[in-house]
Amino acid sequence: MTRVGAGTPMGELLRRYWHPIAATAELDDRPVKRVRLLCEDLVLFKAASGAYGLVARNCPHRGADMAHGIIEHDGLRCSYHGWCFAASGQCLEQPFEDVANPRARFRDKIRITAYPVEEKAGMLWAYLGPQPAPLVPNWEPFTWENGFRQVVFADVPCNWLQCQENSLDPVHFEWMHRNWSSRLFGNGAYGPTHLELKFDEFEFGHIYRRVREDTDKDNQHWTVGATALWPHAFFLGDHIEWRVPVDDENTLSITWMFHRVPKDREPYVQKRVPYWTGPVKDENGEWIVSHVLNQDIVAWVGQGTIADRTREHLGQSDRGIAMMRRAYEDSIKAVEEGRDPKGVIRDPEFNRCVELPIKHRELFTTSMSLEESRALGDSLAYRLNRPDYQHQIGQPDTVKREYQEAMGMIPEGADLI
């Protein structure tokens, strides 16, 4: 179930979905990017016309690297002999062949492997499956206004599935993100213990609900829960984390983060969604454990490059993991039988806004002052709208400045907090 190459059961399943592969602004800064996705080496580009393309890494002429290609108005030209390809994969020009034997129209017979690309929510998405392609899901947070967004990457050297299984594992929050963190950086005191768990499946993933010593079943941790978003993401209201399968042994972590700006900054329209890549190891080669996602990465890679699940001993807290694995098996069977798997969206009207379970939706959709949002977040044990990015280490000062100015924390051009 872990293998994602073409022809494998999981690989064929994952090719039925769109995958985020880059930030839109990346291609504005540099219009050609190397991409590896589902064991395929590819090149993402933005033509001078503004069209996006995703093509095979090697030119079909003599195998030159298209990552060194030349951007043209309507495509990407191989820098070795000048063959030019459209985003559709069709060869548009073969400079010498077109001169030497124009009647042959050899270019009409040549295509490079190409896949569709779409832009949504400040990210570029790729689809490697059969046509007709489904729709790129327009998740509810993508429709929210008056927000500062950023896209954050991390390169994770292990298989994607053990990353995604973390999304349906609530007890790890108690131990890894509370108790272990307390021993590392706090007073060493343990946090509230989990008392009850419940796991539900819905059309677009799975939901875990929990009761801890400090909550009850009236709390939104139970009434709403948190979402393992199908097929390989985790949704927590203000952000979505994708565990994108690069190949069998590597995962690209992509986080889309939303911060509702204060009411005195509204209306706010973000013209460009910034992006950055956070490190996973420090200058000494040690794993970084200071931030939540960095701690998760330590757990994921600690299971091995590809986790050996024959050695597991699953308990009651792992019922969601077993449920998720069965759902993958069911969707693999659907693909094998020629049916759409779980979570595929084809109805444009439905896709105008795909609603999701969201704890404390008011934090992200209500007009409040910065102080009011922080106070409400504190009352809900949700540390919100602070100067520093708290989820992952490594935010550049340039992005931090954009964020602090957008949130009204500092005047334009002032020193960072």
Protein backbone atom coordinates (compact mmCIF):
# COMPACT_ATOMS: atom_id res chain seq x y z
CA MET A 1 0.00 0.00 0.00
CA THR A 2 2.99 2.32 0.45
CA ARG A 3 4.29 2.14 -3.14
CA VAL A 4 3.20 4.98 -5.44
CA GLY A 5 4.85 4.29 -8.79
CA ALA A 6 2.78 3.90 -11.96
CA GLY A 7 1.09 0.53 -12.09
CA THR A 8 1.06 -0.03 -8.33
CA PRO A 9 -2.38 -0.18 -6.69
CA MET A 10 -1.77 2.89 -4.50
CA GLY A 11 -0.02 4.72 -7.32
CA GLU A 12 -3.01 4.24 -9.59
CA LEU A 13 -5.33 5.43 -6.82
CA LEU A 14 -3.35 8.59 -6.11
CA ARG A 15 -3.30 9.44 -9.81
CA ARG A 16 -7.05 10.02 -9.54
CA TYR A 17 -6.46 13.16 -7.44
CA TRP A 18 -4.90 16.60 -7.88
CA HIS A 19 -1.70 17.23 -5.92
CA PRO A 20 -0.25 20.59 -4.83
CA ILE A 21 3.30 20.76 -6.16
CA ALA A 22 4.43 24.40 -5.92
CA ALA A 23 3.49 27.89 -4.83
CA THR A 24 2.17 30.09 -7.62
CA ALA A 25 4.70 32.77 -6.70
CA GLU A 26 7.57 30.32 -7.24
CA LEU A 27 6.95 30.32 -10.98
CA ASP A 28 6.72 34.13 -10.96
CA ASP A 29 10.18 34.27 -9.39
CA ARG A 30 11.67 31.52 -11.53
CA PRO A 31 9.55 30.10 -14.37
CA VAL A 32 11.07 26.58 -14.47
CA LYS A 33 11.06 24.16 -11.53
CA ARG A 34 12.14 20.54 -11.16
CA VAL A 35 9.36 18.38 -9.73
CA ARG A 36 9.29 14.75 -8.66
CA LEU A 37 5.80 13.38 -8.06
CA LEU A 38 4.56 9.81 -7.72
CA CYS A 39 8.00 8.51 -8.78
CA GLU A 40 8.04 10.59 -11.98
CA ASP A 41 10.70 13.21 -12.74
CA LEU A 42 9.01 16.24 -14.26
CA VAL A 43 9.51 19.92 -15.05
CA LEU A 44 6.97 22.57 -14.13
CA PHE A 45 7.06 25.78 -16.15
CA LYS A 46 5.22 29.01 -16.79
CA ALA A 47 5.23 30.13 -20.43
CA ALA A 48 5.52 33.80 -21.30
CA SER A 49 1.80 33.74 -22.17
CA GLY A 50 1.06 32.84 -18.55
CA ALA A 51 0.09 29.23 -19.28
CA TYR A 52 1.42 26.54 -16.92
CA GLY A 53 2.85 23.25 -18.08
CA LEU A 54 4.16 20.06 -16.47
CA VAL A 55 6.24 17.84 -18.75
CA ALA A 56 8.66 14.95 -18.57
CA ARG A 57 12.14 15.83 -17.31
CA ASN A 58 13.85 14.52 -20.47
CA CYS A 59 13.36 15.81 -24.00
CA PRO A 60 12.07 13.08 -26.36
CA HIS A 61 14.70 14.10 -28.93
CA ARG A 62 17.89 12.93 -27.22
CA GLY A 63 17.06 13.05 -23.55
CA ALA A 64 18.38 16.47 -22.57
CA ASP A 65 17.20 17.91 -19.25
CA MET A 66 14.16 20.14 -19.79
CA ALA A 67 14.85 21.79 -16.42
CA HIS A 68 17.39 23.87 -18.35
CA GLY A 69 14.79 24.76 -20.96
CA ILE A 70 14.13 28.15 -22.50
CA ILE A 71 10.80 29.81 -21.77
CA GLU A 72 8.92 30.86 -24.91
CA HIS A 73 5.61 32.62 -25.38
CA ASP A 74 3.67 29.39 -25.83
CA GLY A 75 5.85 26.70 -24.27
CA LEU A 76 9.22 25.38 -23.11
CA ARG A 77 12.13 24.94 -25.51
CA CYS A 78 14.86 22.35 -24.98
CA SER A 79 18.18 24.18 -24.67
CA TYR A 80 20.09 21.37 -26.41
CA HIS A 81 18.62 21.51 -29.94
CA GLY A 82 15.72 23.93 -29.62
CA TRP A 83 12.74 21.62 -29.82
CA CYS A 84 9.81 23.52 -28.31
CA PHE A 85 6.83 21.96 -26.54
CA ALA A 86 3.42 23.33 -25.56
CA ALA A 87 1.86 22.71 -22.15
CA SER A 88 -0.23 20.02 -23.88
CA GLY A 89 2.97 18.14 -24.74
CA GLN A 90 2.71 18.74 -28.47
CA CYS A 91 5.97 19.61 -30.19
CA LEU A 92 5.58 23.09 -31.69
CA GLU A 93 8.91 23.55 -33.39
CA GLN A 94 12.06 21.64 -34.38
CA PRO A 95 14.30 24.39 -35.76
CA PHE A 96 16.62 22.39 -38.01
CA GLU A 97 14.09 19.73 -39.00
CA ASP A 98 11.62 22.43 -39.98
CA VAL A 99 14.24 23.90 -42.32
CA ALA A 100 15.75 20.68 -43.67
CA ASN A 101 12.46 18.96 -44.52
CA PRO A 102 9.49 21.25 -43.89
CA ARG A 103 7.02 19.03 -45.74
CA ALA A 104 7.62 16.12 -43.40
CA ARG A 105 6.21 18.09 -40.44
CA PHE A 106 8.12 15.76 -38.14
CA ARG A 107 7.12 17.96 -35.19
CA ASP A 108 3.50 16.88 -35.57
CA LYS A 109 4.51 13.31 -34.74
CA ILE A 110 6.36 14.16 -31.54
CA ARG A 111 4.93 14.73 -28.07
CA ILE A 112 6.50 14.95 -24.66
CA THR A 113 4.70 13.42 -21.68
CA ALA A 114 2.59 16.22 -20.21
CA TYR A 115 0.09 16.60 -17.39
CA PRO A 116 -2.54 19.25 -16.57
CA VAL A 117 -1.74 22.05 -14.13
CA GLU A 118 -4.20 24.36 -12.38
CA GLU A 119 -3.78 27.28 -10.01
CA LYS A 120 -5.84 27.54 -6.81
CA ALA A 121 -5.32 29.22 -3.44
CA GLY A 122 -1.84 30.47 -4.31
CA MET A 123 -0.65 26.99 -5.24
CA LEU A 124 -0.13 25.01 -8.44
CA TRP A 125 -1.75 21.59 -8.68
CA ALA A 126 -0.94 18.63 -10.93
CA TYR A 127 -3.04 15.72 -12.12
CA LEU A 128 -1.28 12.58 -13.39
CA GLY A 129 -4.32 10.37 -13.95
CA PRO A 130 -6.65 9.42 -16.77
CA GLN A 131 -9.08 11.82 -18.38
CA PRO A 132 -11.56 13.24 -17.76
CA ALA A 133 -9.84 14.85 -14.79
CA PRO A 134 -11.91 15.65 -11.71
CA LEU A 135 -12.03 19.17 -10.26
CA VAL A 136 -9.41 20.65 -7.97
CA PRO A 137 -11.29 20.76 -4.66
CA ASN A 138 -12.25 24.27 -3.63
CA TRP A 139 -12.05 23.65 0.10
CA GLU A 140 -14.01 26.09 2.25
CA PRO A 141 -10.95 27.93 3.65
CA PHE A 142 -9.90 28.75 0.07
CA THR A 143 -13.03 30.92 -0.18
CA TRP A 144 -12.36 32.97 2.95
CA GLU A 145 -11.61 36.66 2.53
CA ASN A 146 -9.49 39.14 4.45
CA GLY A 147 -6.73 36.68 5.15
CA PHE A 148 -2.95 36.60 5.00
CA ARG A 149 -1.89 33.31 3.45
CA GLN A 150 1.47 31.62 3.10
CA VAL A 151 2.70 28.32 1.66
CA VAL A 152 5.35 26.42 3.62
CA PHE A 153 7.39 23.45 2.41
CA ALA A 154 9.54 20.79 4.05
CA ASP A 155 11.35 17.85 2.47
CA VAL A 156 10.70 14.71 4.50
CA PRO A 157 12.89 11.63 3.84
CA CYS A 158 10.33 8.89 4.40
CA ASN A 159 7.23 7.35 2.86
CA TRP A 160 4.10 9.51 2.64
CA LEU A 161 1.71 7.03 4.28
CA GLN A 162 3.28 7.11 7.74
CA CYS A 163 3.04 10.91 7.54
CA GLN A 164 -0.64 10.76 6.65
CA GLU A 165 -1.48 8.17 9.31
CA ASN A 166 -0.33 10.78 11.84
CA SER A 167 -3.38 12.82 10.74
CA LEU A 168 -5.74 10.37 12.45
CA ASP A 169 -3.73 9.92 15.64
CA PRO A 170 -4.99 12.30 18.36
CA VAL A 171 -3.08 10.78 21.28
CA HIS A 172 0.26 11.83 19.82
CA PHE A 173 -0.74 15.44 20.58
CA GLU A 174 -0.80 14.61 24.29
CA TRP A 175 2.61 12.99 24.31
CA MET A 176 4.67 14.48 21.52
CA HIS A 177 3.39 18.05 21.38
CA ARG A 178 2.57 18.51 25.07
CA ASN A 179 4.45 16.13 27.34
CA TRP A 180 7.65 15.73 25.32
CA SER A 181 7.70 19.46 24.57
CA SER A 182 7.26 20.17 28.28
CA ARG A 183 10.29 18.02 29.09
CA LEU A 184 12.34 19.65 26.33
CA PHE A 185 11.40 23.30 26.76
CA GLY A 186 8.97 23.72 29.68
CA ASN A 187 8.63 22.79 33.32
CA GLY A 188 8.37 19.07 32.66
CA ALA A 189 4.73 18.80 33.78
CA TYR A 190 2.47 16.44 31.88
CA GLY A 191 -0.70 17.74 30.24
CA PRO A 192 -4.31 16.53 30.34
CA THR A 193 -4.83 12.85 29.59
CA HIS A 194 -7.10 11.59 26.80
CA LEU A 195 -10.16 9.80 28.21
CA GLU A 196 -12.23 8.90 25.14
CA LEU A 197 -11.79 8.81 21.36
CA LYS A 198 -14.18 8.42 18.46
CA PHE A 199 -13.43 8.08 14.73
CA ASP A 200 -15.87 8.75 11.91
CA GLU A 201 -15.59 8.50 8.15
CA PHE A 202 -17.19 11.02 5.77
CA GLU A 203 -17.01 11.75 2.05
CA PHE A 204 -13.77 13.70 2.20
CA GLY A 205 -11.82 11.84 4.84
CA HIS A 206 -12.01 10.90 8.48
CA ILE A 207 -12.73 12.80 11.68
CA TYR A 208 -11.31 12.13 15.11
CA ARG A 209 -13.08 13.33 18.24
CA ARG A 210 -11.58 13.36 21.71
CA VAL A 211 -12.34 14.03 25.35
CA ARG A 212 -9.46 14.95 27.65
CA GLU A 213 -9.37 15.55 31.37
CA ASP A 214 -9.83 19.27 30.71
CA THR A 215 -12.80 18.94 28.29
CA ASP A 216 -16.15 17.21 27.94
CA LYS A 217 -18.48 16.17 25.12
CA ASP A 218 -19.82 19.71 24.78
CA ASN A 219 -16.38 20.84 23.65
CA GLN A 220 -15.77 21.22 19.90
CA HIS A 221 -12.89 18.75 20.16
CA TRP A 222 -15.73 16.22 20.42
CA THR A 223 -18.70 17.86 18.68
CA VAL A 224 -16.71 18.93 15.59
CA GLY A 225 -13.36 17.15 15.77
CA ALA A 226 -10.33 17.35 13.49
CA THR A 227 -10.12 16.10 9.91
CA ALA A 228 -7.75 13.76 8.13
CA LEU A 229 -8.48 15.13 4.68
CA TRP A 230 -8.59 12.59 1.85
CA PRO A 231 -6.37 11.35 0.34
CA HIS A 232 -3.23 12.75 2.04
CA ALA A 233 -3.82 15.89 4.09
CA PHE A 234 -4.63 17.10 7.59
CA PHE A 235 -7.05 19.99 8.19
CA LEU A 236 -7.13 22.09 11.36
CA GLY A 237 -9.23 25.15 10.50
CA ASP A 238 -6.60 27.77 9.76
CA HIS A 239 -4.31 25.46 7.82
CA ILE A 240 -4.13 22.38 5.64
CA GLU A 241 -1.08 20.12 5.56
CA TRP A 242 -0.50 17.88 2.55
CA ARG A 243 1.85 14.92 2.60
CA VAL A 244 2.59 14.79 -1.14
CA PRO A 245 4.18 11.50 -2.31
CA VAL A 246 7.40 12.38 -4.12
CA ASP A 247 8.30 8.69 -4.44
CA ASP A 248 8.31 5.64 -2.18
CA GLU A 249 10.95 7.07 0.14
CA ASN A 250 10.35 10.84 0.11
CA THR A 251 7.46 13.16 0.93
CA LEU A 252 6.91 16.85 0.24
CA SER A 253 5.15 18.50 3.17
CA ILE A 254 3.10 21.51 2.04
CA THR A 255 1.25 23.69 4.54
CA TRP A 256 -1.29 26.31 3.43
CA MET A 257 -1.77 28.72 6.32
CA PHE A 258 -4.51 31.35 6.78
CA HIS A 259 -4.49 34.26 9.24
CA ARG A 260 -7.61 36.42 9.43
CA VAL A 261 -6.47 40.04 9.46
CA PRO A 262 -7.86 42.43 12.13
CA LYS A 263 -10.96 44.42 11.30
CA ASP A 264 -9.01 47.68 11.04
CA ARG A 265 -7.05 46.09 8.14
CA GLU A 266 -10.18 45.14 6.17
CA PRO A 267 -10.81 44.92 3.33
CA TYR A 268 -7.53 43.11 2.75
CA VAL A 269 -6.62 41.60 -0.61
CA GLN A 270 -3.39 39.64 -0.81
CA LYS A 271 -1.86 40.09 -4.24
CA ARG A 272 0.87 37.48 -3.84
CA VAL A 273 0.97 34.46 -1.53
CA PRO A 274 4.53 34.12 -0.15
CA TYR A 275 6.26 30.77 0.17
CA TRP A 276 9.26 29.35 1.99
CA THR A 277 10.97 26.07 2.86
CA GLY A 278 11.76 25.20 6.46
CA PRO A 279 14.76 23.06 7.48
CA VAL A 280 14.30 19.68 9.14
CA LYS A 281 17.84 19.41 10.57
CA ASP A 282 20.09 21.94 12.29
CA GLU A 283 23.66 22.92 11.38
CA ASN A 284 24.95 19.88 13.29
CA GLY A 285 22.76 17.47 11.36
CA GLU A 286 20.41 16.89 14.29
CA TRP A 287 16.64 16.77 13.79
CA ILE A 288 14.90 20.00 14.79
CA VAL A 289 12.27 19.48 17.51
CA SER A 290 11.26 23.02 18.46
CA HIS A 291 8.06 23.34 16.41
CA VAL A 292 4.96 21.18 16.01
CA LEU A 293 5.49 20.04 12.42
CA ASN A 294 9.20 19.49 13.04
CA GLN A 295 8.29 17.20 15.93
CA ASP A 296 5.90 15.31 13.65
CA ILE A 297 8.68 14.86 11.10
CA VAL A 298 10.91 13.34 13.78
CA ALA A 299 8.18 10.78 14.50
CA TRP A 300 7.60 10.01 10.82
CA VAL A 301 11.22 9.45 9.85
CA GLY A 302 11.83 7.57 13.08
CA GLN A 303 9.54 4.81 11.82
CA GLY A 304 12.01 4.11 9.03
CA THR A 305 12.16 5.18 5.41
CA ILE A 306 9.20 2.87 4.80
CA ALA A 307 7.58 1.77 8.05
CA ASP A 308 7.45 -1.99 8.60
CA ARG A 309 3.84 -2.44 9.63
CA THR A 310 4.23 -6.19 10.20
CA ARG A 311 5.98 -5.29 13.46
CA GLU A 312 3.20 -3.05 14.80
CA HIS A 313 0.99 -3.79 17.79
CA LEU A 314 -2.07 -1.59 17.29
CA GLY A 315 -4.21 -0.61 20.26
CA GLN A 316 -7.52 1.16 20.92
CA SER A 317 -6.05 4.56 20.10
CA ASP A 318 -5.22 3.24 16.62
CA ARG A 319 -8.78 2.48 15.51
CA GLY A 320 -8.65 5.48 13.19
CA ILE A 321 -5.46 4.17 11.56
CA ALA A 322 -7.15 0.84 10.83
CA MET A 323 -10.21 2.69 9.47
CA MET A 324 -8.03 4.79 7.17
CA ARG A 325 -6.19 1.75 5.83
CA ARG A 326 -9.50 0.02 5.01
CA ALA A 327 -10.64 3.17 3.18
CA TYR A 328 -7.51 3.08 1.00
CA GLU A 329 -8.19 -0.57 0.22
CA ASP A 330 -11.80 0.21 -0.71
CA SER A 331 -10.74 3.06 -3.00
CA ILE A 332 -8.06 0.94 -4.65
CA LYS A 333 -10.75 -1.63 -5.38
CA ALA A 334 -12.99 1.09 -6.86
CA VAL A 335 -10.23 2.14 -9.26
CA GLU A 336 -9.59 -1.45 -10.26
CA GLU A 337 -13.30 -1.79 -11.05
CA GLY A 338 -13.36 1.40 -13.11
CA ARG A 339 -15.20 3.53 -10.58
CA ASP A 340 -14.30 6.89 -9.03
CA PRO A 341 -12.61 6.44 -5.66
CA LYS A 342 -13.44 8.27 -2.44
CA GLY A 343 -13.55 12.06 -2.45
CA VAL A 344 -13.40 12.74 -6.19
CA ILE A 345 -15.35 15.90 -7.13
CA ARG A 346 -16.86 16.41 -10.59
CA ASP A 347 -19.82 18.73 -9.94
CA PRO A 348 -18.79 22.40 -10.55
CA GLU A 349 -21.72 23.77 -8.54
CA PHE A 350 -20.87 21.62 -5.53
CA ASN A 351 -17.23 22.62 -5.89
CA ARG A 352 -18.00 26.34 -5.52
CA CYS A 353 -17.31 25.78 -1.79
CA VAL A 354 -16.68 22.35 -0.29
CA GLU A 355 -17.61 22.74 3.37
CA LEU A 356 -15.57 20.96 6.03
CA PRO A 357 -15.91 20.41 9.78
CA ILE A 358 -14.16 23.42 11.34
CA LYS A 359 -13.56 23.89 15.04
CA HIS A 360 -13.99 27.50 16.12
CA ARG A 361 -14.83 28.75 12.64
CA GLU A 362 -15.45 32.19 14.13
CA LEU A 363 -11.71 32.65 14.68
CA PHE A 364 -11.14 32.69 10.92
CA THR A 365 -14.34 34.20 9.55
CA THR A 366 -15.37 36.89 12.08
CA SER A 367 -14.24 40.51 11.92
CA MET A 368 -12.34 41.22 15.17
CA SER A 369 -9.51 43.38 16.40
CA LEU A 370 -6.13 41.74 16.85
CA GLU A 371 -6.56 41.82 20.62
CA GLU A 372 -10.06 40.31 20.41
CA SER A 373 -8.87 37.46 18.20
CA ARG A 374 -6.02 36.69 20.57
CA ALA A 375 -8.29 36.78 23.61
CA LEU A 376 -10.85 34.51 21.98
CA GLY A 377 -8.11 32.15 20.87
CA ASP A 378 -6.66 32.05 24.38
CA SER A 379 -10.09 31.22 25.84
CA LEU A 380 -10.29 28.28 23.47
CA ALA A 381 -6.69 27.14 24.13
CA TYR A 382 -5.78 28.22 20.60
CA ARG A 383 -2.69 30.48 20.47
CA LEU A 384 -3.53 32.77 17.59
CA ASN A 385 -2.06 35.66 15.61
CA ARG A 386 1.28 36.01 17.39
CA PRO A 387 4.30 37.69 15.75
CA ASP A 388 6.18 34.46 15.05
CA TYR A 389 5.16 31.53 12.88
CA GLN A 390 4.60 28.83 15.47
CA HIS A 391 3.97 25.76 13.34
CA GLN A 392 7.32 25.21 11.63
CA ILE A 393 10.82 26.62 12.01
CA GLY A 394 12.60 28.78 9.45
CA GLN A 395 10.21 31.54 8.37
CA PRO A 396 12.31 34.15 6.50
CA ASP A 397 12.29 37.71 7.76
CA THR A 398 10.84 38.87 4.42
CA VAL A 399 7.72 36.75 4.93
CA LYS A 400 7.58 37.58 8.62
CA ARG A 401 7.56 41.27 7.70
CA GLU A 402 4.74 40.78 5.17
CA TYR A 403 2.73 38.98 7.82
CA GLN A 404 3.32 41.46 10.64
CA GLU A 405 2.48 44.41 8.38
CA ALA A 406 -0.67 42.69 7.06
CA MET A 407 -1.80 41.97 10.62
CA GLY A 408 -1.14 45.55 11.73
CA MET A 409 1.48 44.44 14.26
CA ILE A 410 4.05 46.85 12.83
CA PRO A 411 3.81 49.88 10.51
CA GLU A 412 5.16 49.42 7.01
CA GLY A 413 8.98 49.45 7.06
CA ALA A 414 9.26 49.25 10.87
CA ASP A 415 11.52 46.80 12.70
CA LEU A 416 10.18 43.29 13.18
CA ILE A 417 8.72 42.28 16.51
